[in-house]
Protein backbone atom coordinates (compact mmCIF):
# COMPACT_ATOMS: atom_id res chain seq x y z
CA UNK A 1 -12.55 88.19 -89.44
CA UNK A 2 -14.62 85.21 -90.78
CA UNK A 3 -17.36 85.95 -93.39
CA UNK A 4 -20.00 83.60 -94.72
CA UNK A 5 -20.52 84.36 -98.42
CA UNK A 6 -24.17 83.28 -97.89
CA UNK A 7 -24.59 86.33 -95.66
CA UNK A 8 -22.97 88.69 -98.34
CA UNK A 9 -25.42 90.33 -100.93
CA UNK A 10 -24.12 88.73 -104.31
CA UNK A 11 -24.70 90.04 -107.78
CA UNK A 12 -23.86 88.76 -111.23
CA UNK A 13 -23.52 90.92 -114.25
CA UNK A 14 -24.95 89.60 -117.61
CA UNK A 15 -26.21 91.19 -120.67
CA UNK A 16 -29.70 90.98 -122.33
CA UNK A 17 -29.73 88.11 -124.87
CA UNK A 18 -26.91 86.13 -123.22
CA UNK A 19 -29.20 83.36 -121.99
CA UNK A 20 -26.64 80.52 -122.54
CA UNK A 21 -24.24 82.35 -120.32
CA UNK A 22 -26.39 83.09 -117.44
CA UNK A 23 -27.95 79.58 -117.64
CA UNK A 24 -24.52 78.04 -117.42
CA UNK A 25 -23.74 80.31 -114.52
CA UNK A 26 -26.79 79.33 -112.63
CA UNK A 27 -26.01 75.72 -113.20
CA UNK A 28 -22.45 76.09 -112.00
CA UNK A 29 -22.84 78.72 -109.31
CA UNK A 30 -26.46 78.58 -108.28
CA UNK A 31 -26.24 75.70 -105.98
CA UNK A 32 -23.35 77.24 -103.93
CA UNK A 33 -24.49 81.05 -103.62
CA UNK A 34 -27.69 83.08 -103.58
CA UNK A 35 -27.08 85.31 -106.58
CA UNK A 36 -29.26 88.24 -107.87
CA UNK A 37 -28.94 88.84 -111.63
CA UNK A 38 -28.34 92.46 -113.14
CA UNK A 39 -28.85 92.71 -116.86
CA UNK A 40 -26.55 95.29 -118.49
CA UNK A 41 -26.82 96.97 -121.81
CA UNK A 42 -24.90 96.09 -125.01
CA UNK A 43 -22.38 98.77 -126.36
CA UNK A 44 -20.28 98.81 -129.48
CA UNK A 45 -17.04 97.39 -127.73
CA UNK A 46 -16.48 94.92 -124.97
CA UNK A 47 -14.43 97.38 -122.97
CA UNK A 48 -17.15 100.12 -123.15
CA UNK A 49 -19.88 97.40 -122.36
CA UNK A 50 -18.04 96.07 -119.22
CA UNK A 51 -17.31 99.53 -117.95
CA UNK A 52 -20.68 101.18 -118.28
CA UNK A 53 -22.64 98.07 -117.52
CA UNK A 54 -20.68 97.22 -114.47
CA UNK A 55 -20.75 100.79 -113.15
CA UNK A 56 -24.62 100.74 -113.59
CA UNK A 57 -24.81 97.66 -111.42
CA UNK A 58 -22.39 99.28 -108.70
CA UNK A 59 -24.58 102.19 -108.56
CA UNK A 60 -27.36 99.82 -107.30
CA UNK A 61 -25.30 98.20 -104.40
CA UNK A 62 -23.19 99.23 -101.40
CA UNK A 63 -20.47 97.19 -99.65
CA UNK A 64 -20.22 94.70 -98.24
CA UNK A 65 -20.98 93.11 -101.58
CA UNK A 66 -19.85 90.30 -103.96
CA UNK A 67 -19.82 91.08 -107.67
CA UNK A 68 -19.49 88.26 -110.16
CA UNK A 69 -19.45 88.13 -113.93
CA UNK A 70 -21.46 85.55 -115.75
CA UNK A 71 -18.56 83.76 -117.59
CA UNK A 72 -17.24 82.17 -114.44
CA UNK A 73 -17.05 78.79 -112.93
CA UNK A 74 -15.90 77.49 -109.61
CA UNK A 75 -12.53 75.83 -109.01
CA UNK A 76 -11.77 72.75 -106.83
CA UNK A 77 -10.46 75.15 -104.07
CA UNK A 78 -14.12 76.33 -103.57
CA UNK A 79 -15.09 74.00 -100.74
CA UNK A 80 -16.77 76.41 -98.20
CA UNK A 81 -18.59 79.65 -98.14
CA UNK A 82 -16.70 80.64 -94.98
CA UNK A 83 -13.66 82.78 -95.41
CA UNK A 84 -11.16 84.30 -93.01
CA UNK A 85 -10.72 87.68 -94.40
CA UNK A 86 -7.80 89.90 -93.26
CA UNK A 87 -9.00 92.47 -90.87
CA UNK A 88 -7.91 95.53 -92.73
CA UNK A 89 -9.10 94.28 -96.09
CA UNK A 90 -10.87 96.81 -98.40
CA UNK A 91 -11.45 94.32 -101.15
CA UNK A 92 -10.62 90.67 -101.79
CA UNK A 93 -10.25 89.14 -104.99
CA UNK A 94 -11.93 85.66 -104.84
CA UNK A 95 -11.11 85.40 -108.73
CA UNK A 96 -7.54 86.33 -109.76
CA UNK A 97 -5.54 86.76 -112.75
CA UNK A 98 -1.84 86.55 -113.76
CA UNK A 99 -2.23 89.83 -115.89
CA UNK A 100 -1.42 93.27 -114.47
CA UNK A 101 -0.83 96.87 -115.34
CA UNK A 102 1.99 98.09 -113.14
CA UNK A 103 3.61 101.01 -114.55
CA UNK A 104 0.87 101.27 -117.21
CA UNK A 105 2.46 98.32 -118.93
CA UNK A 106 -0.27 95.65 -119.49
CA UNK A 107 1.55 92.28 -119.33
CA UNK A 108 1.90 88.79 -117.73
CA UNK A 109 2.60 88.80 -114.00
CA UNK A 110 3.05 92.62 -114.01
CA UNK A 111 1.67 92.69 -110.49
CA UNK A 112 3.11 93.88 -107.18
CA UNK A 113 2.39 91.06 -104.72
CA UNK A 114 3.24 90.34 -101.05
CA UNK A 115 2.44 87.47 -99.01
CA UNK A 116 0.07 87.95 -95.97
CA UNK A 117 -0.23 84.46 -94.95
CA UNK A 118 -0.70 80.98 -96.61
CA UNK A 119 -4.26 82.02 -97.77
CA UNK A 120 -3.90 85.56 -98.94
CA UNK A 121 -1.59 87.89 -100.79
CA UNK A 122 -1.65 91.59 -100.83
CA UNK A 123 -1.93 92.69 -104.45
CA UNK A 124 -1.55 95.84 -106.67
CA UNK A 125 -2.26 96.35 -110.28
CA UNK A 126 -3.94 93.03 -110.76
CA UNK A 127 -6.46 93.30 -113.76
CA UNK A 128 -9.37 91.06 -112.88
CA UNK A 129 -13.01 91.83 -112.00
CA UNK A 130 -14.79 88.54 -112.53
CA UNK A 131 -15.18 87.87 -108.65
CA UNK A 132 -14.52 90.76 -106.20
CA UNK A 133 -15.78 90.90 -102.77
CA UNK A 134 -15.97 94.72 -101.93
CA UNK A 135 -15.64 95.38 -98.12
CA UNK A 136 -14.78 98.96 -97.22
CA UNK A 137 -16.84 102.09 -98.00
CA UNK A 138 -13.77 104.12 -98.49
CA UNK A 139 -12.46 101.92 -101.30
CA UNK A 140 -15.93 101.86 -102.91
CA UNK A 141 -16.22 105.54 -102.61
CA UNK A 142 -13.01 106.23 -104.22
CA UNK A 143 -13.45 103.72 -106.95
CA UNK A 144 -17.03 105.10 -107.83
CA UNK A 145 -15.60 108.57 -108.10
CA UNK A 146 -12.89 107.50 -110.50
CA UNK A 147 -15.44 105.42 -112.57
CA UNK A 148 -17.85 108.35 -112.61
CA UNK A 149 -15.01 110.71 -113.91
CA UNK A 150 -13.93 108.34 -116.64
CA UNK A 151 -17.29 106.74 -117.69
CA UNK A 152 -17.68 108.88 -120.74
CA UNK A 153 -14.17 109.53 -121.63
CA UNK A 154 -12.58 108.44 -124.98
CA UNK A 155 -10.77 106.19 -125.66
CA UNK A 156 -12.35 103.68 -123.28
CA UNK A 157 -10.07 102.22 -120.58
CA UNK A 158 -11.15 98.78 -119.24
CA UNK A 159 -12.80 98.57 -115.84
CA UNK A 160 -10.06 96.35 -114.44
CA UNK A 161 -7.40 98.86 -115.34
CA UNK A 162 -9.18 101.78 -113.36
CA UNK A 163 -9.68 99.46 -110.33
CA UNK A 164 -6.03 97.92 -110.72
CA UNK A 165 -4.56 101.34 -110.39
CA UNK A 166 -6.41 102.04 -107.22
CA UNK A 167 -5.06 99.01 -105.38
CA UNK A 168 -1.83 100.76 -104.07
CA UNK A 169 -3.95 103.31 -102.14
CA UNK A 170 -5.83 100.58 -100.08
CA UNK A 171 -5.58 97.01 -98.72
CA UNK A 172 -6.60 94.81 -101.35
CA UNK A 173 -5.99 90.97 -101.12
CA UNK A 174 -6.24 87.95 -103.40
CA UNK A 175 -6.88 84.43 -102.26
CA UNK A 176 -3.76 82.23 -102.82
CA UNK A 177 -5.70 79.91 -105.03
CA UNK A 178 -8.62 81.28 -107.04
CA UNK A 179 -12.16 80.26 -106.01
CA UNK A 180 -13.52 81.31 -109.33
CA UNK A 181 -12.19 81.35 -112.86
CA UNK A 182 -13.25 82.64 -116.43
CA UNK A 183 -14.50 79.76 -118.43
CA UNK A 184 -13.38 81.40 -121.64
CA UNK A 185 -10.32 82.52 -123.44
CA UNK A 186 -8.93 83.94 -120.06
CA UNK A 187 -9.15 80.40 -118.45
CA UNK A 188 -5.33 79.97 -118.23
CA UNK A 189 -4.70 83.54 -116.65
CA UNK A 190 -7.59 83.23 -114.25
CA UNK A 191 -6.63 79.81 -113.05
CA UNK A 192 -3.06 80.94 -112.40
CA UNK A 193 -2.62 81.15 -108.51
CA UNK A 194 -1.47 84.12 -106.69
CA UNK A 195 0.90 82.03 -104.69
CA UNK A 196 2.52 81.05 -107.95
CA UNK A 197 2.82 84.44 -109.19
CA UNK A 198 4.37 85.53 -105.83
CA UNK A 199 7.02 82.61 -105.85
CA UNK A 200 7.99 83.16 -109.64
CA UNK A 201 8.36 86.96 -109.08
CA UNK A 202 10.56 86.42 -106.03
CA UNK A 203 12.95 84.25 -108.04
């Protein structure tokens, strides 16, 4: 099915006081997509802040919805807002990562990945939440239940770990080449194409 991202509700998470990040986001992304800004709260740790603030954002929306983080930029592969999404997709990662948590081992390329076609790869255990297009209500409902059950547990597990573990129960895809990357210390991992992960793990 063909989707136009301009017709998908899109939200970006930022924190109060992070004016430079949201200003950079608007400069880099604002001319390509219509995005609403959600202001999360600051917490003692990054993991807690990401989990709880993103969960608060999730509580205000329903799929289909595109959720972005404020530290992203577009890649040269973002050339159109039209995307031919696999018909059975529950979620689509428009921003990817080469980091995964298969078998609860957080490491480089530790991801289950299967080629769907030249544009998409079916994924499991990828840890990345900077640009996810949520599509199905079933995936969303299961994810929200898991997050609700874990939101106040200690120690805090990162948001992308909770979501990554859920992949194997659904049809979750990643674009072959990322459309968005994190413009920070994770740039290398988030510019690493899913197609490259697939080819390298097959050898």
